Amino acid sequence: MADAKPNSGRPDRDKINIEEDYEVQYWSEKFGISVEELTAAVKEVGPTASDVQRELKTHSHNWASEKEPRGANNQT
């Protein structure tokens, strides 16, 4: 049983588990994006946090970095 790894209770800080609400909340706040955007990015590039971050930076025109702050009104 050398392959069995005990559950140390320590979360994997390199992976985004979109099945866990607390992780989705944490990562969406960390990246400054919505839950929907985080989910889409993870589906696009996989759960590795660095890959998701790279995707968000590379394709910033598609993500929250160019969105207005919530509640902003674009009318002049």
PDB file of N, CA and C in Angstrom:
ATOM      1  N   MET A   1       0.805  -1.199   0.000  1.00  0.00           N
ATOM      2  CA  MET A   1       0.000   0.000   0.000  1.00  0.00           C
ATOM      3  C   MET A   1       0.846   1.260   0.000  1.00  0.00           C
ATOM      4  N   ALA A   2       1.926   1.236  -0.678  1.00  0.00           N
ATOM      5  CA  ALA A   2       2.825   2.379  -0.723  1.00  0.00           C
ATOM      6  C   ALA A   2       2.221   3.569  -1.454  1.00  0.00           C
ATOM      7  N   ASP A   3       1.249   3.314  -2.316  1.00  0.00           N
ATOM      8  CA  ASP A   3       0.652   4.399  -3.084  1.00  0.00           C
ATOM      9  C   ASP A   3      -0.421   5.169  -2.321  1.00  0.00           C
ATOM     10  N   ALA A   4      -0.905   4.621  -1.230  1.00  0.00           N
ATOM     11  CA  ALA A   4      -1.965   5.289  -0.470  1.00  0.00           C
ATOM     12  C   ALA A   4      -1.394   6.514   0.227  1.00  0.00           C
ATOM     13  N   LYS A   5      -2.070   7.627   0.041  1.00  0.00           N
ATOM     14  CA  LYS A   5      -1.633   8.873   0.679  1.00  0.00           C
ATOM     15  C   LYS A   5      -2.660   9.260   1.727  1.00  0.00           C
ATOM     16  N   PRO A   6      -2.227   9.522   2.936  1.00  0.00           N
ATOM     17  CA  PRO A   6      -3.187   9.924   3.965  1.00  0.00           C
ATOM     18  C   PRO A   6      -3.737  11.317   3.673  1.00  0.00           C
ATOM     19  N   ASN A   7      -4.967  11.547   4.053  1.00  0.00           N
ATOM     20  CA  ASN A   7      -5.580  12.858   3.887  1.00  0.00           C
ATOM     21  C   ASN A   7      -5.053  13.757   4.992  1.00  0.00           C
ATOM     22  N   SER A   8      -4.202  14.672   4.636  1.00  0.00           N
ATOM     23  CA  SER A   8      -3.578  15.542   5.638  1.00  0.00           C
ATOM     24  C   SER A   8      -4.477  16.719   6.009  1.00  0.00           C
ATOM     25  N   GLY A   9      -5.580  16.907   5.277  1.00  0.00           N
ATOM     26  CA  GLY A   9      -6.467  18.022   5.547  1.00  0.00           C
ATOM     27  C   GLY A   9      -5.978  19.331   4.957  1.00  0.00           C
ATOM     28  N   ARG A  10      -4.866  19.299   4.297  1.00  0.00           N
ATOM     29  CA  ARG A  10      -4.292  20.496   3.695  1.00  0.00           C
ATOM     30  C   ARG A  10      -4.805  20.675   2.268  1.00  0.00           C
ATOM     31  N   PRO A  11      -5.402  21.810   1.942  1.00  0.00           N
ATOM     32  CA  PRO A  11      -5.918  21.991   0.583  1.00  0.00           C
ATOM     33  C   PRO A  11      -4.789  22.131  -0.428  1.00  0.00           C
ATOM     34  N   ASP A  12      -5.071  21.763  -1.640  1.00  0.00           N
ATOM     35  CA  ASP A  12      -4.114  21.910  -2.732  1.00  0.00           C
ATOM     36  C   ASP A  12      -4.214  23.340  -3.246  1.00  0.00           C
ATOM     37  N   ARG A  13      -3.229  24.149  -2.946  1.00  0.00           N
ATOM     38  CA  ARG A  13      -3.248  25.571  -3.304  1.00  0.00           C
ATOM     39  C   ARG A  13      -2.979  25.816  -4.788  1.00  0.00           C
ATOM     40  N   ASP A  14      -2.627  24.758  -5.504  1.00  0.00           N
ATOM     41  CA  ASP A  14      -2.327  24.908  -6.921  1.00  0.00           C
ATOM     42  C   ASP A  14      -3.497  24.552  -7.819  1.00  0.00           C
ATOM     43  N   LYS A  15      -4.551  24.014  -7.237  1.00  0.00           N
ATOM     44  CA  LYS A  15      -5.704  23.557  -8.017  1.00  0.00           C
ATOM     45  C   LYS A  15      -6.971  24.286  -7.582  1.00  0.00           C
ATOM     46  N   ILE A  16      -7.858  24.497  -8.522  1.00  0.00           N
ATOM     47  CA  ILE A  16      -9.145  25.132  -8.246  1.00  0.00           C
ATOM     48  C   ILE A  16     -10.215  24.061  -8.387  1.00  0.00           C
ATOM     49  N   ASN A  17     -10.880  23.760  -7.296  1.00  0.00           N
ATOM     50  CA  ASN A  17     -11.943  22.768  -7.313  1.00  0.00           C
ATOM     51  C   ASN A  17     -13.273  23.501  -7.428  1.00  0.00           C
ATOM     52  N   ILE A  18     -13.845  23.509  -8.617  1.00  0.00           N
ATOM     53  CA  ILE A  18     -15.087  24.254  -8.832  1.00  0.00           C
ATOM     54  C   ILE A  18     -16.297  23.550  -8.222  1.00  0.00           C
ATOM     55  N   GLU A  19     -16.078  22.398  -7.627  1.00  0.00           N
ATOM     56  CA  GLU A  19     -17.157  21.688  -6.930  1.00  0.00           C
ATOM     57  C   GLU A  19     -17.271  22.130  -5.471  1.00  0.00           C
ATOM     58  N   GLU A  20     -16.307  22.899  -4.986  1.00  0.00           N
ATOM     59  CA  GLU A  20     -16.301  23.369  -3.596  1.00  0.00           C
ATOM     60  C   GLU A  20     -16.599  24.871  -3.571  1.00  0.00           C
ATOM     61  N   ASP A  21     -17.727  25.225  -2.974  1.00  0.00           N
ATOM     62  CA  ASP A  21     -18.159  26.629  -2.950  1.00  0.00           C
ATOM     63  C   ASP A  21     -17.116  27.560  -2.346  1.00  0.00           C
ATOM     64  N   TYR A  22     -16.468  27.139  -1.252  1.00  0.00           N
ATOM     65  CA  TYR A  22     -15.486  28.014  -0.614  1.00  0.00           C
ATOM     66  C   TYR A  22     -14.280  28.256  -1.510  1.00  0.00           C
ATOM     67  N   GLU A  23     -13.905  27.272  -2.311  1.00  0.00           N
ATOM     68  CA  GLU A  23     -12.790  27.469  -3.240  1.00  0.00           C
ATOM     69  C   GLU A  23     -13.186  28.396  -4.383  1.00  0.00           C
ATOM     70  N   VAL A  24     -14.383  28.213  -4.900  1.00  0.00           N
ATOM     71  CA  VAL A  24     -14.873  29.073  -5.975  1.00  0.00           C
ATOM     72  C   VAL A  24     -14.930  30.522  -5.498  1.00  0.00           C
ATOM     73  N   GLN A  25     -15.419  30.723  -4.291  1.00  0.00           N
ATOM     74  CA  GLN A  25     -15.491  32.067  -3.713  1.00  0.00           C
ATOM     75  C   GLN A  25     -14.088  32.669  -3.560  1.00  0.00           C
ATOM     76  N   TYR A  26     -13.172  31.878  -2.995  1.00  0.00           N
ATOM     77  CA  TYR A  26     -11.799  32.347  -2.779  1.00  0.00           C
ATOM     78  C   TYR A  26     -11.136  32.745  -4.108  1.00  0.00           C
ATOM     79  N   TRP A  27     -11.167  31.826  -5.084  1.00  0.00           N
ATOM     80  CA  TRP A  27     -10.452  32.085  -6.336  1.00  0.00           C
ATOM     81  C   TRP A  27     -11.110  33.187  -7.156  1.00  0.00           C
ATOM     82  N   SER A  28     -12.430  33.269  -7.149  1.00  0.00           N
ATOM     83  CA  SER A  28     -13.069  34.344  -7.911  1.00  0.00           C
ATOM     84  C   SER A  28     -12.731  35.704  -7.313  1.00  0.00           C
ATOM     85  N   GLU A  29     -12.668  35.791  -5.984  1.00  0.00           N
ATOM     86  CA  GLU A  29     -12.259  37.044  -5.345  1.00  0.00           C
ATOM     87  C   GLU A  29     -10.787  37.342  -5.610  1.00  0.00           C
ATOM     88  N   LYS A  30      -9.947  36.315  -5.533  1.00  0.00           N
ATOM     89  CA  LYS A  30      -8.512  36.505  -5.762  1.00  0.00           C
ATOM     90  C   LYS A  30      -8.239  37.044  -7.168  1.00  0.00           C
ATOM     91  N   PHE A  31      -8.944  36.500  -8.161  1.00  0.00           N
ATOM     92  CA  PHE A  31      -8.734  36.929  -9.535  1.00  0.00           C
ATOM     93  C   PHE A  31      -9.600  38.122  -9.923  1.00  0.00           C
ATOM     94  N   GLY A  32     -10.532  38.515  -9.077  1.00  0.00           N
ATOM     95  CA  GLY A  32     -11.384  39.660  -9.370  1.00  0.00           C
ATOM     96  C   GLY A  32     -12.384  39.396 -10.480  1.00  0.00           C
ATOM     97  N   ILE A  33     -12.898  38.175 -10.527  1.00  0.00           N
ATOM     98  CA  ILE A  33     -13.848  37.794 -11.559  1.00  0.00           C
ATOM     99  C   ILE A  33     -15.079  37.170 -10.926  1.00  0.00           C
ATOM    100  N   SER A  34     -16.110  36.982 -11.721  1.00  0.00           N
ATOM    101  CA  SER A  34     -17.330  36.353 -11.220  1.00  0.00           C
ATOM    102  C   SER A  34     -17.147  34.837 -11.136  1.00  0.00           C
ATOM    103  N   VAL A  35     -18.048  34.207 -10.423  1.00  0.00           N
ATOM    104  CA  VAL A  35     -18.050  32.753 -10.315  1.00  0.00           C
ATOM    105  C   VAL A  35     -18.204  32.133 -11.704  1.00  0.00           C
ATOM    106  N   GLU A  36     -19.059  32.709 -12.516  1.00  0.00           N
ATOM    107  CA  GLU A  36     -19.284  32.201 -13.863  1.00  0.00           C
ATOM    108  C   GLU A  36     -18.018  32.289 -14.710  1.00  0.00           C
ATOM    109  N   GLU A  37     -17.307  33.397 -14.580  1.00  0.00           N
ATOM    110  CA  GLU A  37     -16.069  33.571 -15.341  1.00  0.00           C
ATOM    111  C   GLU A  37     -14.999  32.588 -14.878  1.00  0.00           C
ATOM    112  N   LEU A  38     -14.920  32.384 -13.569  1.00  0.00           N
ATOM    113  CA  LEU A  38     -13.956  31.415 -13.039  1.00  0.00           C
ATOM    114  C   LEU A  38     -14.279  30.023 -13.560  1.00  0.00           C
ATOM    115  N   THR A  39     -15.538  29.651 -13.490  1.00  0.00           N
ATOM    116  CA  THR A  39     -15.951  28.329 -13.957  1.00  0.00           C
ATOM    117  C   THR A  39     -15.619  28.148 -15.432  1.00  0.00           C
ATOM    118  N   ALA A  40     -15.890  29.160 -16.238  1.00  0.00           N
ATOM    119  CA  ALA A  40     -15.588  29.091 -17.670  1.00  0.00           C
ATOM    120  C   ALA A  40     -14.087  28.954 -17.914  1.00  0.00           C
ATOM    121  N   ALA A  41     -13.281  29.699 -17.163  1.00  0.00           N
ATOM    122  CA  ALA A  41     -11.830  29.639 -17.334  1.00  0.00           C
ATOM    123  C   ALA A  41     -11.293  28.263 -16.941  1.00  0.00           C
ATOM    124  N   VAL A  42     -11.804  27.706 -15.856  1.00  0.00           N
ATOM    125  CA  VAL A  42     -11.369  26.372 -15.427  1.00  0.00           C
ATOM    126  C   VAL A  42     -11.767  25.337 -16.476  1.00  0.00           C
ATOM    127  N   LYS A  43     -12.944  25.471 -17.028  1.00  0.00           N
ATOM    128  CA  LYS A  43     -13.373  24.538 -18.077  1.00  0.00           C
ATOM    129  C   LYS A  43     -12.522  24.681 -19.327  1.00  0.00           C
ATOM    130  N   GLU A  44     -12.035  25.884 -19.575  1.00  0.00           N
ATOM    131  CA  GLU A  44     -11.218  26.155 -20.765  1.00  0.00           C
ATOM    132  C   GLU A  44      -9.800  25.590 -20.635  1.00  0.00           C
ATOM    133  N   VAL A  45      -9.156  25.815 -19.485  1.00  0.00           N
ATOM    134  CA  VAL A  45      -7.736  25.459 -19.354  1.00  0.00           C
ATOM    135  C   VAL A  45      -7.435  24.421 -18.283  1.00  0.00           C
ATOM    136  N   GLY A  46      -8.433  24.032 -17.514  1.00  0.00           N
ATOM    137  CA  GLY A  46      -8.204  23.049 -16.457  1.00  0.00           C
ATOM    138  C   GLY A  46      -8.094  23.710 -15.097  1.00  0.00           C
ATOM    139  N   PRO A  47      -7.947  22.906 -14.035  1.00  0.00           N
ATOM    140  CA  PRO A  47      -8.031  23.414 -12.672  1.00  0.00           C
ATOM    141  C   PRO A  47      -6.749  23.995 -12.073  1.00  0.00           C
ATOM    142  N   THR A  48      -5.666  23.984 -12.810  1.00  0.00           N
ATOM    143  CA  THR A  48      -4.416  24.512 -12.262  1.00  0.00           C
ATOM    144  C   THR A  48      -4.504  26.041 -12.175  1.00  0.00           C
ATOM    145  N   ALA A  49      -4.305  26.557 -10.966  1.00  0.00           N
ATOM    146  CA  ALA A  49      -4.478  27.989 -10.712  1.00  0.00           C
ATOM    147  C   ALA A  49      -3.591  28.852 -11.608  1.00  0.00           C
ATOM    148  N   SER A  50      -2.354  28.443 -11.820  1.00  0.00           N
ATOM    149  CA  SER A  50      -1.455  29.243 -12.654  1.00  0.00           C
ATOM    150  C   SER A  50      -1.917  29.269 -14.114  1.00  0.00           C
ATOM    151  N   ASP A  51      -2.496  28.169 -14.593  1.00  0.00           N
ATOM    152  CA  ASP A  51      -3.025  28.142 -15.959  1.00  0.00           C
ATOM    153  C   ASP A  51      -4.241  29.053 -16.087  1.00  0.00           C
ATOM    154  N   VAL A  52      -5.093  29.032 -15.075  1.00  0.00           N
ATOM    155  CA  VAL A  52      -6.269  29.901 -15.090  1.00  0.00           C
ATOM    156  C   VAL A  52      -5.835  31.357 -15.059  1.00  0.00           C
ATOM    157  N   GLN A  53      -4.871  31.679 -14.211  1.00  0.00           N
ATOM    158  CA  GLN A  53      -4.384  33.054 -14.122  1.00  0.00           C
ATOM    159  C   GLN A  53      -3.780  33.502 -15.455  1.00  0.00           C
ATOM    160  N   ARG A  54      -3.016  32.636 -16.075  1.00  0.00           N
ATOM    161  CA  ARG A  54      -2.415  32.949 -17.378  1.00  0.00           C
ATOM    162  C   ARG A  54      -3.514  33.180 -18.425  1.00  0.00           C
ATOM    163  N   GLU A  55      -4.538  32.348 -18.409  1.00  0.00           N
ATOM    164  CA  GLU A  55      -5.661  32.509 -19.346  1.00  0.00           C
ATOM    165  C   GLU A  55      -6.356  33.848 -19.138  1.00  0.00           C
ATOM    166  N   LEU A  56      -6.557  34.210 -17.891  1.00  0.00           N
ATOM    167  CA  LEU A  56      -7.223  35.482 -17.594  1.00  0.00           C
ATOM    168  C   LEU A  56      -6.395  36.666 -18.079  1.00  0.00           C
ATOM    169  N   LYS A  57      -5.081  36.587 -17.917  1.00  0.00           N
ATOM    170  CA  LYS A  57      -4.206  37.674 -18.371  1.00  0.00           C
ATOM    171  C   LYS A  57      -4.106  37.711 -19.894  1.00  0.00           C
ATOM    172  N   THR A  58      -3.994  36.552 -20.507  1.00  0.00           N
ATOM    173  CA  THR A  58      -3.837  36.457 -21.954  1.00  0.00           C
ATOM    174  C   THR A  58      -5.082  36.920 -22.690  1.00  0.00           C
ATOM    175  N   HIS A  59      -6.225  36.588 -22.142  1.00  0.00           N
ATOM    176  CA  HIS A  59      -7.482  36.913 -22.787  1.00  0.00           C
ATOM    177  C   HIS A  59      -8.285  37.891 -21.938  1.00  0.00           C
ATOM    178  N   SER A  60      -7.620  38.899 -21.459  1.00  0.00           N
ATOM    179  CA  SER A  60      -8.266  39.845 -20.541  1.00  0.00           C
ATOM    180  C   SER A  60      -9.471  40.529 -21.155  1.00  0.00           C
ATOM    181  N   HIS A  61      -9.506  40.655 -22.482  1.00  0.00           N
ATOM    182  CA  HIS A  61     -10.658  41.288 -23.119  1.00  0.00           C
ATOM    183  C   HIS A  61     -11.923  40.455 -22.937  1.00  0.00           C
ATOM    184  N   ASN A  62     -11.771  39.190 -22.608  1.00  0.00           N
ATOM    185  CA  ASN A  62     -12.923  38.316 -22.405  1.00  0.00           C
ATOM    186  C   ASN A  62     -13.311  38.186 -20.933  1.00  0.00           C
ATOM    187  N   TRP A  63     -12.507  38.710 -20.041  1.00  0.00           N
ATOM    188  CA  TRP A  63     -12.716  38.469 -18.620  1.00  0.00           C
ATOM    189  C   TRP A  63     -12.968  39.768 -17.858  1.00  0.00           C
ATOM    190  N   ALA A  64     -12.984  39.658 -16.577  1.00  0.00           N
ATOM    191  CA  ALA A  64     -13.405  40.744 -15.690  1.00  0.00           C
ATOM    192  C   ALA A  64     -12.471  41.943 -15.678  1.00  0.00           C
ATOM    193  N   SER A  65     -11.240  41.800 -16.099  1.00  0.00           N
ATOM    194  CA  SER A  65     -10.315  42.927 -15.993  1.00  0.00           C
ATOM    195  C   SER A  65     -10.795  44.131 -16.790  1.00  0.00           C
ATOM    196  N   GLU A  66     -11.640  43.915 -17.782  1.00  0.00           N
ATOM    197  CA  GLU A  66     -12.163  45.042 -18.543  1.00  0.00           C
ATOM    198  C   GLU A  66     -13.631  45.298 -18.260  1.00  0.00           C
ATOM    199  N   LYS A  67     -14.185  44.560 -17.316  1.00  0.00           N
ATOM    200  CA  LYS A  67     -15.574  44.806 -16.948  1.00  0.00           C
ATOM    201  C   LYS A  67     -15.641  45.995 -16.014  1.00  0.00           C
ATOM    202  N   GLU A  68     -16.762  46.663 -16.051  1.00  0.00           N
ATOM    203  CA  GLU A  68     -16.959  47.759 -15.112  1.00  0.00           C
ATOM    204  C   GLU A  68     -17.185  47.184 -13.723  1.00  0.00           C
ATOM    205  N   PRO A  69     -16.845  47.940 -12.694  1.00  0.00           N
ATOM    206  CA  PRO A  69     -17.169  47.505 -11.341  1.00  0.00           C
ATOM    207  C   PRO A  69     -18.668  47.278 -11.226  1.00  0.00           C
ATOM    208  N   ARG A  70     -19.040  46.342 -10.390  1.00  0.00           N
ATOM    209  CA  ARG A  70     -20.457  46.056 -10.204  1.00  0.00           C
ATOM    210  C   ARG A  70     -21.192  47.306  -9.778  1.00  0.00           C
ATOM    211  N   GLY A  71     -22.332  47.521 -10.416  1.00  0.00           N
ATOM    212  CA  GLY A  71     -23.154  48.672 -10.076  1.00  0.00           C
ATOM    213  C   GLY A  71     -22.798  49.920 -10.863  1.00  0.00           C
ATOM    214  N   ALA A  72     -21.759  49.861 -11.684  1.00  0.00           N
ATOM    215  CA  ALA A  72     -21.379  51.040 -12.468  1.00  0.00           C
ATOM    216  C   ALA A  72     -22.382  51.263 -13.578  1.00  0.00           C
ATOM    217  N   ASN A  73     -22.611  52.493 -13.880  1.00  0.00           N
ATOM    218  CA  ASN A  73     -23.545  52.841 -14.945  1.00  0.00           C
ATOM    219  C   ASN A  73     -22.751  53.472 -16.073  1.00  0.00           C
ATOM    220  N   ASN A  74     -22.876  52.936 -17.269  1.00  0.00           N
ATOM    221  CA  ASN A  74     -22.072  53.371 -18.399  1.00  0.00           C
ATOM    222  C   ASN A  74     -22.699  54.535 -19.159  1.00  0.00           C
ATOM    223  N   GLN A  75     -23.796  55.079 -18.691  1.00  0.00           N
ATOM    224  CA  GLN A  75     -24.466  56.169 -19.401  1.00  0.00           C
ATOM    225  C   GLN A  75     -23.755  57.483 -19.156  1.00  0.00           C
ATOM    226  N   THR A  76     -23.719  58.322 -20.164  1.00  0.00           N
ATOM    227  CA  THR A  76     -23.092  59.639 -20.017  1.00  0.00           C
ATOM    228  C   THR A  76     -24.113  60.734 -20.139  1.00  0.00           C
TER     229      THR A  76
END
